[in-house]
Amino acid sequence: MGRRLLIAGTAAALVAAVLALGGVLHRTPPAASASDALPTAVVQELAKGFAAGNTEAEIAGLQGELRADPHSIKALDTLGLAYQQRVRETGDATYYGKAEGILRESLRLAPHDLIATAGLGQLALSRHRFREALTLGRRAHRISPTTAGVYGVIGDAALELGRYHTAFRAFDRMASLKPSVASYARVSYARELLGHVSAAESAMTLATSAAVGEQEASSWTHTQLGLLYLGHAQPRRALAQLDAALMLDPTYYVALDGMAQAQVALGHLRTALSYERRAVDEVPLPQQVGLLGDLYRATGDRVHAAREYALIGVIEKLLAANGVRNDLDVALFDVDHNRDLPHALELARKGYAGRPSIFGDDVLGWALARYGDCGEALRYSNRSLRLGTKDALKLFHRGWIAACLHRDAEARGFYRRALALNPHFSILWAPVARKGVTS
């Protein structure tokens, strides 16, 4: 369910449409103002460089512009966004600090600059600093309440803070102002959180249609639609969407990771391992490295599994050094792999304080359960399901907690629900659920 948390952050087209903002991006343009020319210029600059996939050259050109004119707001804004795009392309988190420095310089020169304000909001989202992101999103809204993209920043931040009514209102407003890949994707995710799976599929199908003609955006939307199908007992439909994504770009790491997950769901572990290894070779994100380690372990290669697990610790330290708060993600991995459970629980509590969403509820509940406090775990696990979300892993966790509390019939019911959504929802835990159903 974490598959679309950074909705606007994966494609060049989305960077232009969501972060660049401005009057030119409205379905019905607002009254002209002196600032309208700036977003237009930035969108054109982004399209020139990013759409061609040549972000590195675009960065070099912008750096040259700034050496000639250090006060160019357009160049500062565009370079700040380009640095964020570079993180997505390479996984190199050092670009986060560069993006922050550039965008803050833009705000120093122009305190009411919409692009820099919203760009910093998106940066805060990427670093999992959700309260900061919400503050910046609201500040961007005060600058331009009729710009669709600011509602994406507000909604994404509110979602991770557990403020679901605020988030859903923001997504609805965003979609009414600018029906687009970014707004349709957010609407889809909101519907999925509420358990409205068919409606979520419809919205993501619209996002896929809206992305036609933009290679990276198309690959991303096909992947997201595939993962949506995969999470709701439709692995063959998922496979078709992931095939489409990889036909557009065979090196796209998001689609390679999605294909690995689909192959796991079909029971093809060695094929999954091949895809995940390719994904990690492209961009070694922690969740991908973790799945690769699990696949090595499941196929009997504990040496390579241990190597991948060790790599996760290195990556997480690099992310933390560059301002990314990944406490919940680290806690989840450690709890799943039975690593220093007291410390994992401490991390889960810390992460929950900054991300009190249903994801936070689920991770903290699971950490408590694995630590042995199943009574307190039950409260958080119930909260993780309060929206009606149909998520196999959350259902499994709830079943495991019921079993821990000796509520065996209740546990079997939750296990059956998890397996009905995806019989192979987790390499680690689906076998436990299958055994739990028959015991």
Protein backbone atom coordinates (compact mmCIF):
# COMPACT_ATOMS: atom_id res chain seq x y z
CA MET A 1 0.00 0.00 0.00
CA GLY A 2 3.00 2.29 0.07
CA ARG A 3 3.27 2.06 -3.69
CA ARG A 4 1.92 5.53 -4.49
CA LEU A 5 2.96 7.65 -1.56
CA LEU A 6 5.06 9.98 -3.68
CA ILE A 7 2.60 10.20 -6.50
CA ALA A 8 4.02 13.20 -8.28
CA GLY A 9 7.58 12.14 -7.92
CA THR A 10 8.31 9.55 -10.55
CA ALA A 11 7.94 11.01 -14.01
CA ALA A 12 9.21 14.06 -15.82
CA ALA A 13 5.72 14.88 -16.97
CA LEU A 14 4.54 14.80 -13.38
CA VAL A 15 7.34 17.05 -12.24
CA ALA A 16 6.22 19.62 -14.78
CA ALA A 17 2.53 19.17 -14.06
CA VAL A 18 2.62 19.02 -10.27
CA LEU A 19 5.68 20.87 -9.09
CA ALA A 20 6.10 23.60 -11.67
CA LEU A 21 2.54 24.75 -10.96
CA GLY A 22 1.33 28.12 -12.19
CA GLY A 23 -1.49 29.53 -14.29
CA VAL A 24 -0.53 27.73 -17.49
CA LEU A 25 -1.38 24.40 -15.83
CA HIS A 26 -4.95 25.27 -14.85
CA ARG A 27 -7.90 23.92 -16.72
CA THR A 28 -9.40 27.41 -16.46
CA PRO A 29 -6.56 29.93 -16.08
CA PRO A 30 -6.88 32.46 -13.28
CA ALA A 31 -6.62 36.16 -13.94
CA ALA A 32 -3.24 37.05 -15.41
CA SER A 33 -0.62 38.27 -12.98
CA ALA A 34 3.01 39.24 -13.05
CA SER A 35 4.00 35.76 -11.87
CA ASP A 36 2.31 33.87 -14.68
CA ALA A 37 5.31 34.10 -17.00
CA LEU A 38 7.60 32.36 -14.53
CA PRO A 39 5.76 29.05 -14.25
CA THR A 40 5.37 28.96 -18.03
CA ALA A 41 9.09 29.42 -18.49
CA VAL A 42 9.90 26.76 -15.93
CA VAL A 43 7.52 24.26 -17.52
CA GLN A 44 9.17 24.84 -20.89
CA GLU A 45 12.61 24.41 -19.37
CA LEU A 46 11.59 21.18 -17.65
CA ALA A 47 10.04 19.80 -20.80
CA LYS A 48 13.17 20.60 -22.81
CA GLY A 49 15.51 18.72 -20.53
CA PHE A 50 13.60 16.18 -18.46
CA ALA A 51 11.31 14.85 -21.15
CA ALA A 52 14.38 13.79 -23.09
CA GLY A 53 15.68 11.98 -20.02
CA ASN A 54 18.75 14.18 -19.97
CA THR A 55 18.49 15.59 -16.49
CA GLU A 56 22.24 15.53 -15.91
CA ALA A 57 22.86 17.76 -18.93
CA GLU A 58 19.97 20.00 -17.89
CA ILE A 59 21.55 20.43 -14.46
CA ALA A 60 24.89 21.38 -16.00
CA GLY A 61 23.19 23.96 -18.22
CA LEU A 62 21.28 25.49 -15.30
CA GLN A 63 24.43 25.66 -13.21
CA GLY A 64 26.02 27.58 -16.07
CA GLU A 65 23.07 29.98 -16.17
CA LEU A 66 23.41 30.63 -12.45
CA ARG A 67 27.12 31.33 -12.71
CA ALA A 68 26.22 34.01 -15.25
CA ASP A 69 23.22 35.28 -13.26
CA PRO A 70 23.08 34.04 -9.63
CA HIS A 71 19.76 35.87 -9.11
CA SER A 72 17.78 34.09 -11.85
CA ILE A 73 14.67 32.81 -10.08
CA LYS A 74 13.72 30.71 -13.08
CA ALA A 75 17.08 28.94 -13.12
CA LEU A 76 17.08 28.45 -9.35
CA ASP A 77 13.57 26.99 -9.34
CA THR A 78 14.22 24.69 -12.26
CA LEU A 79 17.54 23.49 -10.86
CA GLY A 80 15.91 22.73 -7.51
CA LEU A 81 13.33 20.56 -9.25
CA ALA A 82 15.99 18.97 -11.45
CA TYR A 83 17.95 17.89 -8.38
CA GLN A 84 14.82 16.19 -7.03
CA GLN A 85 14.29 14.46 -10.35
CA ARG A 86 17.89 13.26 -10.17
CA VAL A 87 17.20 11.52 -6.85
CA ARG A 88 14.37 9.64 -8.50
CA GLU A 89 16.56 8.64 -11.41
CA THR A 90 19.61 7.53 -9.43
CA GLY A 91 18.60 6.96 -5.81
CA ASP A 92 21.41 9.35 -4.78
CA ALA A 93 19.99 11.14 -1.73
CA THR A 94 22.76 13.75 -1.69
CA TYR A 95 20.72 15.64 -4.27
CA TYR A 96 18.11 16.34 -1.59
CA GLY A 97 20.43 18.74 0.21
CA LYS A 98 21.36 20.40 -3.07
CA ALA A 99 17.69 20.84 -3.96
CA GLU A 100 16.93 22.34 -0.56
CA GLY A 101 19.78 24.81 -0.75
CA ILE A 102 18.83 26.01 -4.22
CA LEU A 103 15.11 26.35 -3.47
CA ARG A 104 15.75 28.18 -0.21
CA GLU A 105 18.00 30.59 -2.09
CA SER A 106 15.15 31.19 -4.50
CA LEU A 107 12.85 31.99 -1.58
CA ARG A 108 15.43 34.29 -0.07
CA LEU A 109 15.38 36.30 -3.30
CA ALA A 110 11.63 35.96 -3.86
CA PRO A 111 9.83 35.09 -0.58
CA HIS A 112 6.47 34.48 -2.26
CA ASP A 113 7.76 32.31 -5.10
CA LEU A 114 5.19 29.59 -5.69
CA ILE A 115 7.48 27.08 -7.38
CA ALA A 116 10.15 27.15 -4.69
CA THR A 117 7.56 26.90 -1.92
CA ALA A 118 5.76 23.94 -3.46
CA GLY A 119 9.07 22.38 -4.50
CA LEU A 120 10.25 22.47 -0.89
CA GLY A 121 6.94 20.90 0.09
CA GLN A 122 7.53 18.04 -2.33
CA LEU A 123 11.08 17.70 -1.02
CA ALA A 124 9.74 17.43 2.54
CA LEU A 125 7.38 14.67 1.37
CA SER A 126 10.27 12.78 -0.21
CA ARG A 127 12.15 13.00 3.08
CA HIS A 128 9.08 11.83 5.04
CA ARG A 129 8.89 15.16 6.89
CA PHE A 130 5.15 15.34 6.63
CA ARG A 131 4.33 18.15 9.07
CA GLU A 132 6.85 20.38 7.34
CA ALA A 133 5.34 19.39 3.97
CA LEU A 134 1.86 20.31 5.15
CA THR A 135 3.05 23.71 6.35
CA LEU A 136 4.73 24.38 3.00
CA GLY A 137 1.71 23.14 1.07
CA ARG A 138 -0.57 25.50 2.96
CA ARG A 139 1.88 28.34 2.39
CA ALA A 140 1.84 27.58 -1.35
CA HIS A 141 -1.97 27.54 -1.20
CA ARG A 142 -2.00 31.03 0.27
CA ILE A 143 0.19 32.19 -2.61
CA SER A 144 -2.04 30.60 -5.25
CA PRO A 145 -5.27 28.91 -4.07
CA THR A 146 -6.31 28.14 -7.65
CA THR A 147 -3.20 26.14 -8.55
CA ALA A 148 -3.99 22.44 -8.66
CA GLY A 149 -0.55 21.16 -7.69
CA VAL A 150 -0.51 22.72 -4.23
CA TYR A 151 -3.45 20.51 -3.26
CA GLY A 152 -1.30 17.49 -4.10
CA VAL A 153 1.33 18.56 -1.59
CA ILE A 154 -1.34 19.29 1.04
CA GLY A 155 -3.18 16.04 0.42
CA ASP A 156 -0.09 13.84 0.39
CA ALA A 157 1.13 15.32 3.67
CA ALA A 158 -2.29 15.11 5.33
CA LEU A 159 -2.60 11.48 4.24
CA GLU A 160 0.61 10.51 6.03
CA LEU A 161 -0.44 12.43 9.13
CA GLY A 162 -3.67 10.44 9.32
CA ARG A 163 -5.82 13.45 8.44
CA TYR A 164 -7.83 11.62 5.84
CA HIS A 165 -10.76 14.01 5.43
CA THR A 166 -8.32 16.85 4.76
CA ALA A 167 -6.38 14.71 2.30
CA PHE A 168 -9.41 13.52 0.38
CA ARG A 169 -10.83 17.04 0.13
CA ALA A 170 -7.49 18.25 -1.23
CA PHE A 171 -7.40 15.49 -3.85
CA ASP A 172 -10.98 16.25 -4.93
CA ARG A 173 -10.12 19.92 -5.27
CA MET A 174 -6.97 19.09 -7.23
CA ALA A 175 -8.91 16.89 -9.64
CA SER A 176 -11.61 19.53 -10.16
CA LEU A 177 -9.00 22.18 -10.96
CA LYS A 178 -6.81 20.00 -13.16
CA PRO A 179 -7.82 16.48 -14.20
CA SER A 180 -4.41 14.92 -14.88
CA VAL A 181 -2.17 11.94 -14.29
CA ALA A 182 -1.25 13.30 -10.87
CA SER A 183 -4.80 14.01 -9.70
CA TYR A 184 -6.28 10.77 -11.08
CA ALA A 185 -3.53 8.77 -9.36
CA ARG A 186 -4.23 10.43 -6.03
CA VAL A 187 -7.96 9.85 -6.37
CA SER A 188 -7.23 6.21 -7.16
CA TYR A 189 -5.10 5.80 -4.05
CA ALA A 190 -7.70 7.49 -1.86
CA ARG A 191 -10.39 5.15 -3.17
CA GLU A 192 -8.15 2.16 -2.55
CA LEU A 193 -7.55 3.25 1.03
CA LEU A 194 -11.32 3.33 1.51
CA GLY A 195 -11.65 -0.18 0.11
CA HIS A 196 -13.34 0.96 -3.11
CA VAL A 197 -11.20 -1.18 -5.37
CA SER A 198 -13.18 -1.01 -8.62
CA ALA A 199 -13.42 2.77 -8.34
CA ALA A 200 -9.68 2.92 -7.67
CA GLU A 201 -9.01 0.88 -10.79
CA SER A 202 -11.21 3.22 -12.84
CA ALA A 203 -9.32 6.29 -11.66
CA MET A 204 -5.93 4.73 -12.32
CA THR A 205 -7.09 3.68 -15.78
CA LEU A 206 -7.88 7.35 -16.41
CA ALA A 207 -4.37 8.24 -15.21
CA THR A 208 -2.92 5.71 -17.63
CA SER A 209 -4.89 7.22 -20.50
CA ALA A 210 -3.82 10.74 -19.52
CA ALA A 211 -0.16 9.67 -19.61
CA VAL A 212 -0.21 8.46 -23.23
CA GLY A 213 2.63 10.03 -25.17
CA GLU A 214 4.86 10.55 -22.11
CA GLN A 215 7.16 7.54 -21.80
CA GLU A 216 8.06 7.69 -18.12
CA ALA A 217 4.61 8.76 -17.01
CA SER A 218 3.08 5.94 -19.06
CA SER A 219 5.48 3.37 -17.60
CA TRP A 220 4.70 4.61 -14.11
CA THR A 221 0.91 4.53 -14.50
CA HIS A 222 0.95 1.07 -16.09
CA THR A 223 3.06 -0.10 -13.15
CA GLN A 224 0.72 1.42 -10.58
CA LEU A 225 -2.33 -0.09 -12.25
CA GLY A 226 -0.54 -3.43 -12.32
CA LEU A 227 0.26 -3.23 -8.61
CA LEU A 228 -3.33 -2.30 -7.88
CA TYR A 229 -4.51 -5.41 -9.72
CA LEU A 230 -1.84 -7.48 -7.98
CA GLY A 231 -2.95 -6.41 -4.53
CA HIS A 232 -6.51 -7.48 -5.23
CA ALA A 233 -6.29 -11.02 -6.57
CA GLN A 234 -5.75 -10.21 -10.27
CA PRO A 235 -2.15 -11.28 -10.99
CA ARG A 236 -2.69 -11.95 -14.72
CA ARG A 237 -4.08 -8.46 -15.31
CA ALA A 238 -1.17 -7.12 -13.28
CA LEU A 239 1.27 -8.96 -15.51
CA ALA A 240 -0.21 -7.39 -18.64
CA GLN A 241 0.18 -3.88 -17.23
CA LEU A 242 3.74 -4.50 -16.07
CA ASP A 243 4.63 -5.94 -19.47
CA ALA A 244 3.30 -2.74 -21.04
CA ALA A 245 5.41 -0.63 -18.68
CA LEU A 246 8.59 -2.55 -19.51
CA MET A 247 7.91 -2.42 -23.23
CA LEU A 248 8.05 1.37 -22.93
CA ASP A 249 11.27 1.25 -20.87
CA PRO A 250 12.96 -2.11 -20.16
CA THR A 251 15.25 -0.46 -17.57
CA TYR A 252 12.52 1.25 -15.51
CA TYR A 253 13.27 0.11 -11.97
CA VAL A 254 9.75 0.75 -10.64
CA ALA A 255 8.31 -1.61 -13.26
CA LEU A 256 11.08 -4.19 -12.75
CA ASP A 257 10.28 -4.25 -9.03
CA GLY A 258 6.58 -4.51 -9.81
CA MET A 259 7.23 -7.40 -12.17
CA ALA A 260 9.20 -9.17 -9.44
CA GLN A 261 6.23 -8.81 -7.10
CA ALA A 262 3.90 -10.17 -9.79
CA GLN A 263 6.15 -13.19 -10.35
CA VAL A 264 6.14 -13.84 -6.60
CA ALA A 265 2.34 -13.76 -6.68
CA LEU A 266 2.41 -16.35 -9.48
CA GLY A 267 4.80 -18.54 -7.50
CA HIS A 268 7.76 -17.99 -9.86
CA LEU A 269 10.44 -17.11 -7.33
CA ARG A 270 13.52 -17.50 -9.52
CA THR A 271 11.98 -15.36 -12.26
CA ALA A 272 11.07 -12.81 -9.58
CA LEU A 273 14.65 -12.85 -8.33
CA SER A 274 15.93 -12.05 -11.83
CA TYR A 275 13.63 -9.04 -12.16
CA GLU A 276 14.40 -7.75 -8.67
CA ARG A 277 18.12 -8.05 -9.24
CA ARG A 278 17.73 -5.89 -12.36
CA ALA A 279 15.68 -3.34 -10.38
CA VAL A 280 18.34 -3.12 -7.67
CA ASP A 281 21.09 -2.80 -10.28
CA GLU A 282 19.25 0.26 -11.66
CA VAL A 283 18.36 1.99 -8.37
CA PRO A 284 19.02 0.25 -5.02
CA LEU A 285 16.05 1.39 -2.93
CA PRO A 286 15.75 -0.23 0.52
CA GLN A 287 12.44 -1.97 -0.15
CA GLN A 288 13.79 -3.44 -3.38
CA VAL A 289 17.01 -4.61 -1.77
CA GLY A 290 14.93 -6.16 1.03
CA LEU A 291 12.77 -8.10 -1.42
CA LEU A 292 15.88 -9.26 -3.28
CA GLY A 293 17.32 -10.55 -0.01
CA ASP A 294 14.08 -12.36 0.79
CA LEU A 295 14.07 -13.93 -2.67
CA TYR A 296 17.63 -15.14 -2.27
CA ARG A 297 16.72 -16.64 1.09
CA ALA A 298 13.55 -18.26 -0.27
CA THR A 299 15.55 -19.88 -3.09
CA GLY A 300 18.19 -21.21 -0.69
CA ASP A 301 20.98 -18.67 -1.18
CA ARG A 302 21.54 -17.39 2.35
CA VAL A 303 24.97 -15.91 1.56
CA HIS A 304 23.56 -13.49 -1.02
CA ALA A 305 20.54 -12.85 1.19
CA ALA A 306 22.79 -11.77 4.05
CA ARG A 307 24.71 -9.49 1.70
CA GLU A 308 21.52 -7.73 0.56
CA TYR A 309 20.26 -7.39 4.13
CA ALA A 310 23.56 -5.77 5.13
CA LEU A 311 23.28 -3.38 2.18
CA ILE A 312 19.93 -2.13 3.49
CA GLY A 313 21.62 -0.84 6.62
CA VAL A 314 24.15 1.10 4.54
CA ILE A 315 21.43 2.64 2.35
CA GLU A 316 19.31 3.61 5.35
CA LYS A 317 22.28 5.38 6.96
CA LEU A 318 22.89 7.32 3.76
CA LEU A 319 19.23 8.31 3.59
CA ALA A 320 19.23 9.43 7.23
CA ALA A 321 22.40 11.45 6.65
CA ASN A 322 20.57 13.30 3.89
CA GLY A 323 17.51 14.18 5.94
CA VAL A 324 15.21 11.24 5.19
CA ARG A 325 13.16 9.94 8.13
CA ASN A 326 12.69 6.25 7.48
CA ASP A 327 12.08 5.02 11.03
CA LEU A 328 8.88 3.13 10.21
CA ASP A 329 10.39 1.44 7.18
CA VAL A 330 13.49 0.39 9.12
CA ALA A 331 11.32 -0.85 11.98
CA LEU A 332 9.16 -2.91 9.64
CA PHE A 333 12.17 -4.61 8.07
CA ASP A 334 13.75 -5.32 11.44
CA VAL A 335 10.53 -6.67 12.92
CA ASP A 336 9.91 -8.89 9.88
CA HIS A 337 13.43 -10.29 10.15
CA ASN A 338 13.48 -10.58 13.96
CA ARG A 339 16.35 -8.13 14.33
CA ASP A 340 16.81 -6.39 17.71
CA LEU A 341 13.10 -6.21 18.51
CA PRO A 342 13.41 -3.75 21.45
CA HIS A 343 15.19 -1.28 19.19
CA ALA A 344 12.74 -1.96 16.34
CA LEU A 345 9.84 -1.16 18.67
CA GLU A 346 11.55 2.05 19.73
CA LEU A 347 11.96 3.02 16.07
CA ALA A 348 8.33 2.16 15.36
CA ARG A 349 7.13 4.43 18.18
CA LYS A 350 9.38 7.23 16.97
CA GLY A 351 8.24 6.78 13.38
CA TYR A 352 4.60 6.70 14.39
CA ALA A 353 4.95 10.08 16.09
CA GLY A 354 5.86 11.63 12.74
CA ARG A 355 3.58 9.50 10.58
CA PRO A 356 0.40 8.62 12.48
CA SER A 357 -1.31 7.12 9.44
CA ILE A 358 -2.78 3.67 8.94
CA PHE A 359 0.70 2.62 7.81
CA GLY A 360 2.08 3.87 11.11
CA ASP A 361 -0.72 2.07 12.97
CA ASP A 362 0.11 -1.15 11.17
CA VAL A 363 3.87 -1.02 11.72
CA LEU A 364 3.60 -0.06 15.39
CA GLY A 365 0.98 -2.73 15.99
CA TRP A 366 3.14 -5.35 14.29
CA ALA A 367 6.23 -4.29 16.24
CA LEU A 368 4.31 -4.54 19.52
CA ALA A 369 2.97 -7.95 18.57
CA ARG A 370 6.37 -9.36 17.63
CA TYR A 371 7.78 -7.92 20.85
CA GLY A 372 5.09 -9.82 22.75
CA ASP A 373 2.63 -7.10 23.71
CA CYS A 374 -0.32 -8.37 21.68
CA GLY A 375 -2.92 -6.63 23.80
CA GLU A 376 -1.63 -3.16 22.96
CA ALA A 377 -0.87 -4.32 19.40
CA LEU A 378 -4.54 -5.12 18.84
CA ARG A 379 -5.56 -1.49 19.29
CA TYR A 380 -3.16 -0.25 16.62
CA SER A 381 -3.91 -3.10 14.24
CA ASN A 382 -7.63 -2.32 14.45
CA ARG A 383 -6.86 1.33 13.73
CA SER A 384 -4.84 0.34 10.65
CA LEU A 385 -8.04 -1.15 9.16
CA ARG A 386 -10.37 1.67 10.16
CA LEU A 387 -10.82 3.05 6.64
CA GLY A 388 -11.91 -0.30 5.22
CA THR A 389 -8.64 -0.79 3.33
CA LYS A 390 -8.31 -4.19 1.66
CA ASP A 391 -4.61 -4.84 2.26
CA ALA A 392 -3.44 -8.43 2.62
CA LEU A 393 -0.48 -7.63 4.86
CA LYS A 394 -2.53 -5.57 7.30
CA LEU A 395 -5.12 -8.34 7.44
CA PHE A 396 -2.40 -10.90 8.08
CA HIS A 397 -0.97 -8.81 10.91
CA ARG A 398 -4.42 -8.58 12.45
CA GLY A 399 -4.82 -12.34 12.19
CA TRP A 400 -1.41 -13.00 13.74
CA ILE A 401 -2.28 -10.76 16.68
CA ALA A 402 -5.57 -12.63 17.12
CA ALA A 403 -3.63 -15.91 17.17
CA CYS A 404 -1.23 -14.43 19.73
CA LEU A 405 -4.27 -13.66 21.89
CA HIS A 406 -5.53 -17.26 21.42
CA ARG A 407 -8.50 -16.17 19.33
CA ASP A 408 -7.92 -18.94 16.82
CA ALA A 409 -11.17 -18.75 14.84
CA GLU A 410 -10.75 -14.99 14.47
CA ALA A 411 -7.18 -15.47 13.32
CA ARG A 412 -8.22 -17.97 10.66
CA GLY A 413 -10.81 -15.53 9.36
CA PHE A 414 -8.24 -12.78 8.87
CA TYR A 415 -5.76 -15.19 7.29
CA ARG A 416 -8.39 -16.32 4.79
CA ARG A 417 -9.17 -12.71 3.88
CA ALA A 418 -5.49 -11.94 3.32
CA LEU A 419 -4.95 -15.01 1.16
CA ALA A 420 -8.09 -14.30 -0.87
CA LEU A 421 -6.64 -10.92 -1.86
CA ASN A 422 -3.24 -12.35 -2.76
CA PRO A 423 -2.21 -15.96 -1.97
CA HIS A 424 1.46 -14.90 -2.21
CA PHE A 425 1.21 -11.49 -0.53
CA SER A 426 4.53 -11.97 1.29
CA ILE A 427 7.39 -14.39 0.86
CA LEU A 428 7.83 -14.38 4.63
CA TRP A 429 4.25 -14.40 5.88
CA ALA A 430 1.95 -15.94 3.27
CA PRO A 431 3.17 -19.46 4.24
CA VAL A 432 2.38 -18.63 7.87
CA ALA A 433 -1.13 -17.56 6.89
CA ARG A 434 -1.68 -20.75 4.87
CA LYS A 435 -0.55 -22.86 7.79
CA GLY A 436 -2.72 -20.83 10.15
CA VAL A 437 -5.85 -21.48 8.08
CA THR A 438 -5.42 -25.26 8.31
CA SER A 439 -4.25 -25.51 11.92
